Amino acid sequence: MNKADILAEKLAKAHLGGGEDRIEKQHAKGKLTARERVNLLLDPGSFEEVGALVIHRTTDFDMQQQVFYGDGVITGYGTIEGRIVYVFAQDFTVFGGSLSETHAEKICKIMDMAVKTGAPLIGLNDSGGARIQEGVRSLGGYADIFYRNVQASGVIPQLSAIMGPCAGGAVYSPAMTDFTIMVEHTSYMFVTGPNVVKTVTNEEVSSEDLGGASAHSTKSGVTHLTAANDVLCLRQLRELLSYLPQNCEETPTQLPYELGTEIREQLSDLVPDNPNQPYDMREVIAGIIDDGSFLEIHERYADNIVVGFARLAGRSIGIVANQPYSLAGVLDVESSKKAARFTRTCDCFNVPLLVLVDVPGFLPGTDQEWNGIITNGAKLLYALSEATVPRVTVITRKAYGGAYDVMNSKHIGADFNFAWPGAEIAVMGAKGASEIIFRREIGAANDQAAKLAEKEAEYAETFANPYRAAQRGFIDEVIYPRETRRKLIRAFATLENKVVTRPKRKHGNIPL
């Protein structure tokens, strides 16, 4: 056998992973193999593999008798829509995708290359965890990856897809990346599995209920997006990347766009006359952005606030918007954390922020106070105050109390603040304010209900409008709803070269 044939034989073995039988078992579970996933994720023919012939170094427990080229992970680089990305894909057909010392070294090499070249990193996770036969060496491998996740954070986009099991220490790497996508019914994430949970707490729970895509997309917020199968998951990764730049030194790609009148009449009738009647803020978003460009993040988690990416005249923007359809759009613990994290991600990668405000305040109650609404609400305040990307606010209806300040007000550094004519900017609603301010007059009246209604109308006329704030310069312009899109396009265009000089410091101390 000549040298070229020897190479061909070794590469053929590497491409087979754990062998035909294990590949068939992977397919039987409704899952693609690691190599199939990489080829679907990247542009056709663009993948260049690195480390295909790596093998493990373990001899304990007769492991030298079980050697597979690649050692359970495929690593390399390729392109997505012509953009260079680095990728690793754990191969469940080889030792259940378990992480060994050499497996981790392959991932670390790719992570280092991604940072050095300023290119996004995508991890496709499908692993049974640490390779037990290697003991602390596999644990050290995890820590090496974790450290690099932190060093790369805010430098390059890091995207994680959970396409099978991801348990124990393995969960912390995806948790430190920018976005996580889980495949429904075939993936799960948890620190301790159902058997340990039962032993320690006596709770009976399945892997799916404990750490499946549904649990993490609705209850914990660990995952940002879910997909019905592997193919849709890979498509979501490609779509998500399209809104992000290559690294923190660049801006997202601007798509070609030809400006027209940009007037959207449908925005004029979206907000009900009754201040207590809900409406769907997603309809406002749809009336502002380029058609069909909204990619919502955390759609089923903390749904009293909406966050996601969109395009405005071809530009990538991030949107944070109160949602009156859920809890009247109040800020609570979960929505504050959700919006703060998204805000910081956009700021990391030079994605301008649009904040749409209809907020009656913070959610009251013992549950909120005891779960830290003070520090969690402060996370959103901190994140927006810290952000140096272009920031534009539109108040569509209510902006009450401290929540007015928090939702990207002029006072915390927003660049442009607009309000619709029906906006109410005040310390609180007219009824509550009147009951406090005019308590004696109302109490002394023969008809207290009529007196309250009179004073409520008086307060509303004085304060429940955007004009006091506009007179102070806290609102830059009161605009017609139909002109919102045109105003925003111009505002973001003029902010394109915005520069902010921050104080010298090691880093701020966000209230975690």
Protein backbone atom coordinates (compact mmCIF):
# COMPACT_ATOMS: atom_id res chain seq x y z
CA MET A 1 0.00 0.00 0.00
CA ASN A 2 1.48 3.35 -1.03
CA LYS A 3 1.53 6.43 1.16
CA ALA A 4 -1.44 8.05 -0.54
CA ASP A 5 -3.51 4.91 0.05
CA ILE A 6 -2.52 4.86 3.72
CA LEU A 7 -3.74 8.44 4.11
CA ALA A 8 -6.97 7.64 2.28
CA GLU A 9 -7.63 4.67 4.55
CA LYS A 10 -7.08 6.71 7.70
CA LEU A 11 -9.34 9.53 6.49
CA ALA A 12 -12.04 7.02 5.53
CA LYS A 13 -11.96 5.63 9.08
CA ALA A 14 -12.14 9.15 10.51
CA HIS A 15 -15.16 9.96 8.35
CA LEU A 16 -16.96 6.84 9.61
CA GLY A 17 -16.77 7.99 13.23
CA GLY A 18 -17.96 5.15 15.46
CA GLY A 19 -18.93 2.97 12.50
CA GLU A 20 -22.00 2.19 10.42
CA ASP A 21 -23.95 0.54 13.25
CA ARG A 22 -23.65 3.54 15.53
CA ILE A 23 -24.46 5.93 12.69
CA GLU A 24 -27.67 3.97 12.07
CA LYS A 25 -28.55 4.25 15.77
CA GLN A 26 -27.98 8.01 15.60
CA HIS A 27 -30.31 8.26 12.60
CA ALA A 28 -32.90 6.04 14.33
CA LYS A 29 -33.15 8.67 17.10
CA GLY A 30 -33.99 11.33 14.51
CA LYS A 31 -30.52 12.85 14.79
CA LEU A 32 -27.93 13.65 12.15
CA THR A 33 -24.31 12.66 12.59
CA ALA A 34 -21.74 15.28 13.55
CA ARG A 35 -20.28 15.35 10.03
CA GLU A 36 -23.73 15.69 8.45
CA ARG A 37 -24.47 18.59 10.76
CA VAL A 38 -21.27 20.43 9.89
CA ASN A 39 -21.87 20.00 6.16
CA LEU A 40 -25.44 21.30 6.46
CA LEU A 41 -24.43 24.25 8.64
CA LEU A 42 -21.68 25.52 6.36
CA ASP A 43 -21.74 26.62 2.74
CA PRO A 44 -21.44 23.55 0.47
CA GLY A 45 -17.86 22.40 0.03
CA SER A 46 -16.41 25.04 2.34
CA PHE A 47 -15.50 22.89 5.36
CA GLU A 48 -11.81 22.38 6.09
CA GLU A 49 -11.23 19.85 8.86
CA VAL A 50 -8.51 20.26 11.48
CA GLY A 51 -7.37 17.34 13.62
CA ALA A 52 -9.10 14.52 11.77
CA LEU A 53 -6.39 12.02 12.75
CA VAL A 54 -6.16 12.86 16.47
CA ILE A 55 -6.55 9.88 18.82
CA HIS A 56 -6.76 9.62 22.61
CA ARG A 57 -3.73 8.77 24.76
CA THR A 58 -5.40 6.63 27.41
CA THR A 59 -4.27 3.11 28.26
CA ASP A 60 -6.22 2.63 31.50
CA PHE A 61 -9.11 0.14 31.38
CA ASP A 62 -7.73 -1.27 28.08
CA MET A 63 -8.71 1.94 26.29
CA GLN A 64 -5.81 1.40 23.86
CA GLN A 65 -7.98 -1.31 22.31
CA GLN A 66 -10.63 1.28 21.39
CA VAL A 67 -9.18 3.96 19.17
CA PHE A 68 -11.14 6.16 16.76
CA TYR A 69 -9.66 8.87 14.57
CA GLY A 70 -10.95 12.29 15.57
CA ASP A 71 -11.65 11.12 19.13
CA GLY A 72 -15.31 12.04 19.19
CA VAL A 73 -15.27 15.61 17.88
CA ILE A 74 -15.05 17.13 14.41
CA THR A 75 -13.28 20.49 14.30
CA GLY A 76 -12.41 22.94 11.56
CA TYR A 77 -13.53 26.01 9.70
CA GLY A 78 -15.66 26.99 6.72
CA THR A 79 -18.02 29.71 5.58
CA ILE A 80 -21.63 30.75 6.15
CA GLU A 81 -22.87 33.06 3.40
CA GLY A 82 -19.21 33.57 2.52
CA ARG A 83 -18.17 34.54 6.09
CA ILE A 84 -15.44 32.53 7.81
CA VAL A 85 -16.60 30.66 10.93
CA TYR A 86 -14.94 28.07 13.16
CA VAL A 87 -16.94 25.05 14.26
CA PHE A 88 -16.74 21.97 16.43
CA ALA A 89 -19.29 19.15 16.42
CA GLN A 90 -19.27 16.43 19.04
CA ASP A 91 -19.73 12.94 17.58
CA PHE A 92 -22.05 10.81 19.70
CA THR A 93 -21.12 7.70 17.71
CA VAL A 94 -17.62 7.77 19.29
CA PHE A 95 -17.69 7.03 23.03
CA GLY A 96 -21.04 8.82 23.25
CA GLY A 97 -19.32 12.07 22.33
CA SER A 98 -17.61 12.03 25.73
CA LEU A 99 -14.92 14.61 26.34
CA SER A 100 -11.36 13.38 26.71
CA GLU A 101 -8.10 15.26 27.06
CA THR A 102 -7.45 15.20 23.31
CA HIS A 103 -11.10 15.89 22.47
CA ALA A 104 -10.83 19.06 24.56
CA GLU A 105 -7.48 20.00 23.00
CA LYS A 106 -9.08 19.91 19.55
CA ILE A 107 -11.88 22.24 20.66
CA CYS A 108 -9.42 24.60 22.38
CA LYS A 109 -7.26 24.80 19.25
CA ILE A 110 -10.31 25.88 17.20
CA MET A 111 -11.36 28.39 19.88
CA ASP A 112 -7.90 29.93 19.87
CA MET A 113 -7.93 30.19 16.08
CA ALA A 114 -11.36 31.85 16.12
CA VAL A 115 -10.16 34.55 18.52
CA LYS A 116 -6.87 35.10 16.70
CA THR A 117 -8.61 35.53 13.34
CA GLY A 118 -11.67 37.40 14.66
CA ALA A 119 -14.25 34.91 13.42
CA PRO A 120 -17.43 33.50 15.06
CA LEU A 121 -17.31 30.18 16.89
CA ILE A 122 -20.14 27.64 16.63
CA GLY A 123 -20.35 24.58 18.88
CA LEU A 124 -22.63 21.63 18.10
CA ASN A 125 -23.00 19.79 21.41
CA ASP A 126 -23.97 16.10 21.59
CA SER A 127 -22.07 14.44 24.41
CA GLY A 128 -22.53 12.09 27.33
CA GLY A 129 -20.15 14.23 29.40
CA ALA A 130 -16.64 13.69 30.71
CA ARG A 131 -14.89 10.47 29.66
CA ILE A 132 -14.83 8.62 32.97
CA GLN A 133 -11.84 6.48 32.02
CA GLU A 134 -9.64 9.60 31.93
CA GLY A 135 -10.61 11.00 35.32
CA VAL A 136 -9.28 14.45 36.13
CA ARG A 137 -7.73 14.87 32.67
CA SER A 138 -11.20 15.16 31.15
CA LEU A 139 -12.26 17.58 33.89
CA GLY A 140 -9.19 19.67 33.13
CA GLY A 141 -10.23 19.65 29.48
CA TYR A 142 -13.60 21.14 30.38
CA ALA A 143 -11.95 23.87 32.42
CA ASP A 144 -9.63 24.70 29.52
CA ILE A 145 -12.71 25.22 27.32
CA PHE A 146 -14.54 27.27 29.96
CA TYR A 147 -11.57 29.60 30.34
CA ARG A 148 -11.49 30.22 26.61
CA ASN A 149 -15.24 30.86 26.53
CA VAL A 150 -14.69 33.68 28.99
CA GLN A 151 -11.68 35.12 27.17
CA ALA A 152 -13.62 35.09 23.87
CA SER A 153 -16.75 36.61 25.42
CA GLY A 154 -17.56 39.92 23.79
CA VAL A 155 -14.69 39.46 21.34
CA ILE A 156 -16.28 37.08 18.84
CA PRO A 157 -19.85 35.76 18.61
CA GLN A 158 -20.13 32.34 20.27
CA LEU A 159 -23.15 30.24 19.31
CA SER A 160 -24.11 26.89 20.84
CA ALA A 161 -26.50 24.25 19.54
CA ILE A 162 -27.58 21.50 21.93
CA MET A 163 -28.35 18.55 19.64
CA GLY A 164 -28.28 15.70 22.14
CA PRO A 165 -27.35 15.22 25.79
CA CYS A 166 -25.41 17.97 27.56
CA ALA A 167 -25.07 17.26 31.27
CA GLY A 168 -22.91 17.95 34.29
CA GLY A 169 -19.93 20.21 33.70
CA ALA A 170 -20.62 20.21 29.95
CA VAL A 171 -23.51 22.67 30.41
CA TYR A 172 -21.31 25.55 31.50
CA SER A 173 -19.64 26.13 28.15
CA PRO A 174 -22.94 26.74 26.28
CA ALA A 175 -24.16 28.82 29.23
CA MET A 176 -21.25 31.23 28.74
CA THR A 177 -21.75 31.62 25.00
CA ASP A 178 -23.89 34.37 23.48
CA PHE A 179 -26.78 32.24 22.22
CA THR A 180 -28.00 28.68 22.80
CA ILE A 181 -30.40 26.72 20.58
CA MET A 182 -31.90 23.39 21.68
CA VAL A 183 -33.46 20.71 19.49
CA GLU A 184 -36.86 19.63 20.80
CA HIS A 185 -37.27 16.09 22.19
CA THR A 186 -33.71 14.93 21.34
CA SER A 187 -31.65 17.29 23.51
CA TYR A 188 -31.45 18.10 27.20
CA MET A 189 -29.29 20.10 29.59
CA PHE A 190 -28.94 19.73 33.34
CA VAL A 191 -26.25 19.88 36.00
CA THR A 192 -27.55 16.74 37.73
CA GLY A 193 -29.72 14.12 36.03
CA PRO A 194 -33.05 12.59 37.06
CA ASN A 195 -31.45 9.74 39.05
CA VAL A 196 -29.40 12.10 41.21
CA VAL A 197 -32.40 14.39 41.65
CA LYS A 198 -34.47 11.44 42.89
CA THR A 199 -31.74 10.35 45.29
CA VAL A 200 -31.20 13.80 46.79
CA THR A 201 -34.68 15.37 46.72
CA ASN A 202 -36.93 12.32 46.14
CA GLU A 203 -38.43 14.03 43.07
CA GLU A 204 -39.52 11.88 40.13
CA VAL A 205 -38.76 13.70 36.87
CA SER A 206 -37.88 12.74 33.31
CA SER A 207 -34.87 14.07 31.40
CA GLU A 208 -37.24 16.00 29.11
CA ASP A 209 -39.15 17.64 31.98
CA LEU A 210 -35.99 18.37 33.94
CA GLY A 211 -33.86 19.82 31.18
CA GLY A 212 -35.50 19.51 27.77
CA ALA A 213 -35.96 22.27 25.23
CA SER A 214 -39.45 23.13 26.51
CA ALA A 215 -38.31 23.49 30.13
CA HIS A 216 -35.35 25.68 29.26
CA SER A 217 -37.22 27.87 26.76
CA THR A 218 -40.15 28.61 29.10
CA LYS A 219 -39.08 28.11 32.73
CA SER A 220 -35.35 28.75 33.09
CA GLY A 221 -34.51 30.87 30.06
CA VAL A 222 -31.31 28.87 29.57
CA THR A 223 -32.00 28.43 25.85
CA HIS A 224 -32.72 31.35 23.54
CA LEU A 225 -34.28 29.43 20.67
CA THR A 226 -35.66 25.95 20.01
CA ALA A 227 -35.94 23.95 16.81
CA ALA A 228 -38.12 20.98 15.86
CA ASN A 229 -35.21 19.02 14.39
CA ASP A 230 -31.51 19.17 13.54
CA VAL A 231 -32.01 20.73 10.11
CA LEU A 232 -34.10 23.64 11.43
CA CYS A 233 -31.61 24.16 14.26
CA LEU A 234 -28.76 24.57 11.79
CA ARG A 235 -30.84 26.99 9.71
CA GLN A 236 -31.50 29.06 12.83
CA LEU A 237 -27.77 29.24 13.52
CA ARG A 238 -27.18 30.61 10.02
CA GLU A 239 -30.01 33.13 10.39
CA LEU A 240 -28.87 34.28 13.83
CA LEU A 241 -25.33 34.83 12.59
CA SER A 242 -26.61 37.08 9.79
CA TYR A 243 -27.52 39.77 12.35
CA LEU A 244 -24.09 39.71 14.02
CA PRO A 245 -20.65 40.94 12.88
CA GLN A 246 -17.53 38.80 12.65
CA ASN A 247 -16.15 40.28 15.87
CA CYS A 248 -16.35 43.24 18.26
CA GLU A 249 -14.24 45.44 15.97
CA GLU A 250 -16.71 45.21 13.09
CA THR A 251 -20.35 46.08 12.46
CA PRO A 252 -23.04 43.73 11.14
CA THR A 253 -23.39 43.45 7.38
CA GLN A 254 -25.83 46.02 5.96
CA LEU A 255 -28.10 44.60 3.29
CA PRO A 256 -28.94 46.63 0.18
CA TYR A 257 -32.08 48.71 0.67
CA GLU A 258 -33.80 51.35 -1.45
CA LEU A 259 -35.64 54.00 0.58
CA GLY A 260 -39.24 54.92 -0.26
CA THR A 261 -41.75 57.07 1.62
CA GLU A 262 -41.46 54.74 4.65
CA ILE A 263 -44.86 55.84 6.01
CA ARG A 264 -46.73 53.00 7.77
CA GLU A 265 -50.37 53.97 8.24
CA GLN A 266 -51.17 50.76 10.17
CA LEU A 267 -49.27 52.14 13.18
CA SER A 268 -51.83 54.92 13.65
CA ASP A 269 -54.57 52.64 15.00
CA LEU A 270 -52.64 50.01 16.94
CA VAL A 271 -52.76 51.57 20.42
CA PRO A 272 -56.28 51.46 21.94
CA ASP A 273 -57.90 54.63 23.34
CA ASN A 274 -58.53 52.79 26.62
CA PRO A 275 -55.20 52.97 28.52
CA ASN A 276 -55.95 49.64 30.21
CA GLN A 277 -56.65 47.71 27.02
CA PRO A 278 -53.78 45.50 25.83
CA TYR A 279 -52.36 45.31 22.33
CA ASP A 280 -49.60 43.25 20.77
CA MET A 281 -46.28 45.10 20.67
CA ARG A 282 -45.15 42.67 17.96
CA GLU A 283 -47.58 44.45 15.62
CA VAL A 284 -45.79 47.73 16.38
CA ILE A 285 -42.46 46.05 15.66
CA ALA A 286 -43.78 44.65 12.38
CA GLY A 287 -44.95 48.13 11.38
CA ILE A 288 -41.50 49.61 11.93
CA ILE A 289 -38.98 47.07 10.62
CA ASP A 290 -38.15 45.71 7.17
CA ASP A 291 -40.85 43.18 6.27
CA GLY A 292 -40.30 39.71 7.71
CA SER A 293 -36.96 40.52 9.29
CA PHE A 294 -37.78 39.99 12.99
CA LEU A 295 -35.97 37.13 14.75
CA GLU A 296 -37.37 36.94 18.26
CA ILE A 297 -35.09 35.74 21.05
CA HIS A 298 -36.46 34.02 24.19
CA GLU A 299 -39.94 34.08 22.64
CA ARG A 300 -41.56 31.85 25.28
CA TYR A 301 -39.65 33.09 28.32
CA ALA A 302 -40.64 36.24 30.29
CA ASP A 303 -43.11 37.20 27.58
CA ASN A 304 -43.97 40.54 29.21
CA ILE A 305 -40.95 41.84 27.34
CA VAL A 306 -40.03 41.15 23.71
CA VAL A 307 -36.43 41.08 22.49
CA GLY A 308 -34.94 40.16 19.15
CA PHE A 309 -33.06 41.16 16.04
CA ALA A 310 -34.50 42.88 12.99
CA ARG A 311 -33.46 45.03 10.06
CA LEU A 312 -34.28 48.66 9.50
CA ALA A 313 -33.51 49.85 5.95
CA GLY A 314 -31.10 46.94 5.70
CA ARG A 315 -29.32 47.67 9.01
CA SER A 316 -29.20 45.08 11.77
CA ILE A 317 -30.80 46.36 15.00
CA GLY A 318 -31.68 44.87 18.36
CA ILE A 319 -35.16 45.51 19.77
CA VAL A 320 -36.23 45.60 23.43
CA ALA A 321 -39.97 46.19 23.84
CA ASN A 322 -42.49 46.00 26.68
CA GLN A 323 -45.39 43.68 25.82
CA PRO A 324 -48.81 44.99 27.01
CA TYR A 325 -50.39 41.62 26.17
CA SER A 326 -48.60 39.99 29.12
CA LEU A 327 -48.84 41.38 32.65
CA ALA A 328 -49.64 44.77 31.07
CA GLY A 329 -45.95 44.99 30.10
CA VAL A 330 -44.63 45.42 33.65
CA LEU A 331 -40.98 44.79 34.43
CA ASP A 332 -40.33 41.87 36.77
CA VAL A 333 -37.35 39.72 37.74
CA GLU A 334 -37.33 37.49 34.66
CA SER A 335 -38.08 40.16 32.05
CA SER A 336 -35.40 42.45 33.49
CA LYS A 337 -32.76 39.70 33.26
CA LYS A 338 -33.87 38.77 29.75
CA ALA A 339 -33.70 42.33 28.45
CA ALA A 340 -30.42 43.10 30.25
CA ARG A 341 -28.65 40.10 28.77
CA PHE A 342 -29.89 40.89 25.25
CA THR A 343 -28.89 44.54 25.63
CA ARG A 344 -25.35 43.63 26.64
CA THR A 345 -25.04 41.16 23.76
CA CYS A 346 -26.05 43.84 21.26
CA ASP A 347 -23.62 46.29 22.81
CA CYS A 348 -20.78 43.74 22.60
CA PHE A 349 -21.22 43.38 18.87
CA ASN A 350 -22.12 46.88 17.72
CA VAL A 351 -25.79 46.21 17.09
CA PRO A 352 -27.83 49.45 17.57
CA LEU A 353 -30.70 49.28 20.04
CA LEU A 354 -34.34 50.29 19.56
CA VAL A 355 -36.37 50.39 22.78
CA LEU A 356 -40.18 50.46 22.53
CA VAL A 357 -41.80 51.55 25.78
CA ASP A 358 -45.22 50.84 27.22
CA VAL A 359 -44.54 50.12 30.87
CA PRO A 360 -46.77 50.76 33.92
CA GLY A 361 -43.91 50.11 36.35
CA PHE A 362 -42.31 47.22 38.22
CA LEU A 363 -44.39 44.23 39.33
CA PRO A 364 -45.21 44.52 43.07
CA GLY A 365 -45.40 41.66 45.53
CA THR A 366 -43.46 39.63 48.09
CA ASP A 367 -42.42 37.10 45.46
CA GLN A 368 -40.75 39.81 43.40
CA GLU A 369 -39.07 41.52 46.34
CA TRP A 370 -37.79 38.29 47.87
CA ASN A 371 -36.45 37.14 44.50
CA GLY A 372 -34.47 40.34 44.06
CA ILE A 373 -36.45 42.67 41.81
CA ILE A 374 -34.20 45.44 43.11
CA THR A 375 -30.93 43.94 41.86
CA ASN A 376 -32.52 42.28 38.83
CA GLY A 377 -34.26 45.46 37.75
CA ALA A 378 -30.93 47.21 38.24
CA LYS A 379 -29.35 44.80 35.73
CA LEU A 380 -31.43 46.28 32.93
CA LEU A 381 -30.75 49.81 34.14
CA TYR A 382 -27.02 49.04 34.28
CA ALA A 383 -26.96 47.34 30.87
CA LEU A 384 -28.63 50.23 29.08
CA SER A 385 -26.60 52.87 30.92
CA GLU A 386 -23.42 51.01 29.99
CA ALA A 387 -24.29 50.51 26.31
CA THR A 388 -22.37 52.68 23.85
CA VAL A 389 -24.12 51.57 20.64
CA PRO A 390 -26.69 53.92 19.05
CA ARG A 391 -29.78 53.87 21.29
CA VAL A 392 -33.21 55.15 20.28
CA THR A 393 -36.42 55.04 22.32
CA VAL A 394 -40.06 55.31 21.27
CA ILE A 395 -42.72 55.63 23.99
CA THR A 396 -45.91 54.26 22.50
CA ARG A 397 -48.17 54.65 25.54
CA LYS A 398 -47.29 54.40 29.25
CA ALA A 399 -43.94 55.23 30.84
CA TYR A 400 -44.51 55.34 34.59
CA GLY A 401 -42.25 55.69 37.60
CA GLY A 402 -38.80 54.21 37.84
CA ALA A 403 -39.57 52.01 34.83
CA TYR A 404 -39.61 55.18 32.69
CA ASP A 405 -36.03 55.84 33.77
CA VAL A 406 -34.92 52.25 33.23
CA MET A 407 -36.38 51.84 29.73
CA ASN A 408 -33.65 53.78 27.91
CA SER A 409 -34.66 57.26 29.01
CA LYS A 410 -32.73 60.34 28.00
CA HIS A 411 -31.33 60.50 31.54
CA ILE A 412 -29.38 57.24 31.15
CA GLY A 413 -27.82 58.16 27.84
CA ALA A 414 -30.30 57.42 25.06
CA ASP A 415 -29.44 59.28 21.86
CA PHE A 416 -32.95 59.99 20.55
CA ASN A 417 -36.18 59.76 22.53
CA PHE A 418 -39.48 59.91 20.66
CA ALA A 419 -43.03 59.65 21.94
CA TRP A 420 -46.36 59.09 20.26
CA PRO A 421 -49.07 61.73 20.93
CA GLY A 422 -50.93 59.42 23.31
CA ALA A 423 -47.90 58.71 25.48
CA GLU A 424 -48.31 59.10 29.24
CA ILE A 425 -45.09 60.00 31.07
CA ALA A 426 -45.66 60.33 34.79
CA VAL A 427 -44.74 59.01 38.23
CA MET A 428 -47.83 56.80 38.19
CA GLY A 429 -51.26 56.45 36.62
CA ALA A 430 -53.81 59.23 36.99
CA LYS A 431 -56.10 57.28 39.33
CA GLY A 432 -53.38 56.28 41.80
CA ALA A 433 -51.80 59.71 41.74
CA SER A 434 -55.14 61.46 42.34
CA GLU A 435 -55.94 59.24 45.30
CA ILE A 436 -52.70 60.39 46.93
CA ILE A 437 -52.51 64.06 45.90
CA PHE A 438 -56.20 64.87 46.41
CA ARG A 439 -56.89 62.50 49.30
CA ARG A 440 -58.33 65.18 51.59
CA GLU A 441 -60.50 66.81 48.93
CA ILE A 442 -61.89 63.47 47.85
CA GLY A 443 -62.50 62.40 51.45
CA ALA A 444 -64.38 65.63 52.23
CA ALA A 445 -66.62 65.42 49.14
CA ASN A 446 -70.24 64.31 49.36
CA ASP A 447 -69.82 62.24 46.21
CA GLN A 448 -66.34 60.80 46.57
CA ALA A 449 -66.51 58.76 43.36
CA ALA A 450 -67.42 61.81 41.29
CA LYS A 451 -64.72 63.89 42.98
CA LEU A 452 -62.12 61.19 42.28
CA ALA A 453 -63.15 61.07 38.63
CA GLU A 454 -62.87 64.87 38.40
CA LYS A 455 -59.42 64.95 39.96
CA GLU A 456 -58.30 61.97 37.90
CA ALA A 457 -59.24 63.85 34.72
CA GLU A 458 -57.44 66.94 36.00
CA TYR A 459 -54.25 65.00 36.70
CA ALA A 460 -54.44 63.20 33.37
CA GLU A 461 -54.81 66.44 31.45
CA THR A 462 -51.79 67.89 33.25
CA PHE A 463 -49.41 64.91 33.30
CA ALA A 464 -50.72 61.99 31.23
CA ASN A 465 -49.19 63.24 28.02
CA PRO A 466 -45.72 63.57 26.48
CA TYR A 467 -45.59 67.37 26.45
CA ARG A 468 -44.22 68.10 29.92
CA ALA A 469 -41.31 65.77 29.14
CA ALA A 470 -40.90 67.36 25.69
CA GLN A 471 -40.81 70.84 27.26
CA ARG A 472 -37.95 69.68 29.46
CA GLY A 473 -36.08 68.12 26.52
CA PHE A 474 -36.47 64.62 27.95
CA ILE A 475 -38.41 63.77 24.78
CA ASP A 476 -36.71 64.99 21.61
CA GLU A 477 -39.81 64.89 19.46
CA VAL A 478 -43.46 63.91 19.69
CA ILE A 479 -44.13 62.08 16.43
CA TYR A 480 -47.08 60.72 14.50
CA PRO A 481 -47.11 56.89 14.76
CA ARG A 482 -47.24 56.50 10.97
CA GLU A 483 -43.91 58.37 10.69
CA THR A 484 -42.08 56.21 13.23
CA ARG A 485 -40.23 54.08 10.69
CA ARG A 486 -39.00 57.10 8.72
CA LYS A 487 -37.86 58.89 11.88
CA LEU A 488 -36.00 55.81 13.11
CA ILE A 489 -34.23 55.20 9.81
CA ARG A 490 -32.93 58.77 9.86
CA ALA A 491 -32.03 58.66 13.55
CA PHE A 492 -29.98 55.47 13.23
CA ALA A 493 -28.34 56.75 10.05
CA THR A 494 -27.11 59.90 11.79
CA LEU A 495 -25.82 57.81 14.72
CA GLU A 496 -23.79 55.48 12.51
CA ASN A 497 -20.45 57.00 13.53
CA LYS A 498 -21.31 57.51 17.19
CA VAL A 499 -18.29 57.36 19.52
CA VAL A 500 -18.41 57.17 23.31
CA THR A 501 -15.33 57.50 25.54
CA ARG A 502 -15.75 55.59 28.77
CA PRO A 503 -13.87 56.18 32.06
CA LYS A 504 -10.68 54.19 32.53
CA ARG A 505 -11.35 51.16 34.70
CA LYS A 506 -10.79 47.44 34.83
CA HIS A 507 -14.51 46.71 34.43
CA GLY A 508 -17.76 47.78 35.97
CA ASN A 509 -19.46 45.77 38.71
CA ILE A 510 -22.90 44.90 37.35
CA PRO A 511 -25.36 43.87 40.12
CA LEU A 512 -25.35 40.13 39.56
